[in-house]
Amino acid sequence: QVQLVESGGGLVQPGGSLRLSCALSGFTLDDYAIGWFRQAPGKGREGVACFSVSESATYYIDSVKGRFTFSRDNARNAVYLQMNDLKLEDTASYFCATDRVPDCTILPGGGLAFLRGYWGQGTQVTVSS
């Protein structure tokens, strides 16, 4: 059974940092592409980062490049999202997700999508002064 459990969210001032964690069970990091998406109130899901197992490559959306860093820990079967220089527009619930396929879904224009519904309960990130 695939399970993903996120943690690490919180309240931070603009320019601050947070590190999100996601503990995985039911599969290993070598099985499927995995990443993060976020959802702000009243808005749709927005893929933020994705690691492709087949390409050994990490994809980011433009708005977080240079600020967010995705990482994996195979020994702990966990993934992380280091978020630096946080901005007000980063406020959202963040979800760790996988589509249970080796590749990331990259949309025209460079967006990222997670389509098959395997994600956790999310963790709230609030950026506010």
Foldseek 3Di string as FASTA:
>chain_A
DWAKDKDWADEAAQQAKIKMKIQIPPDFPLQFKKAKWWDAPPDDIFTAKIAANVVRDMAGDPVQPPFWDKDADRVRRMIMIIGGRDDQVVWTWMKMATQRHRGWDADVVGTTDRPRPHIHPTDTHGYDD
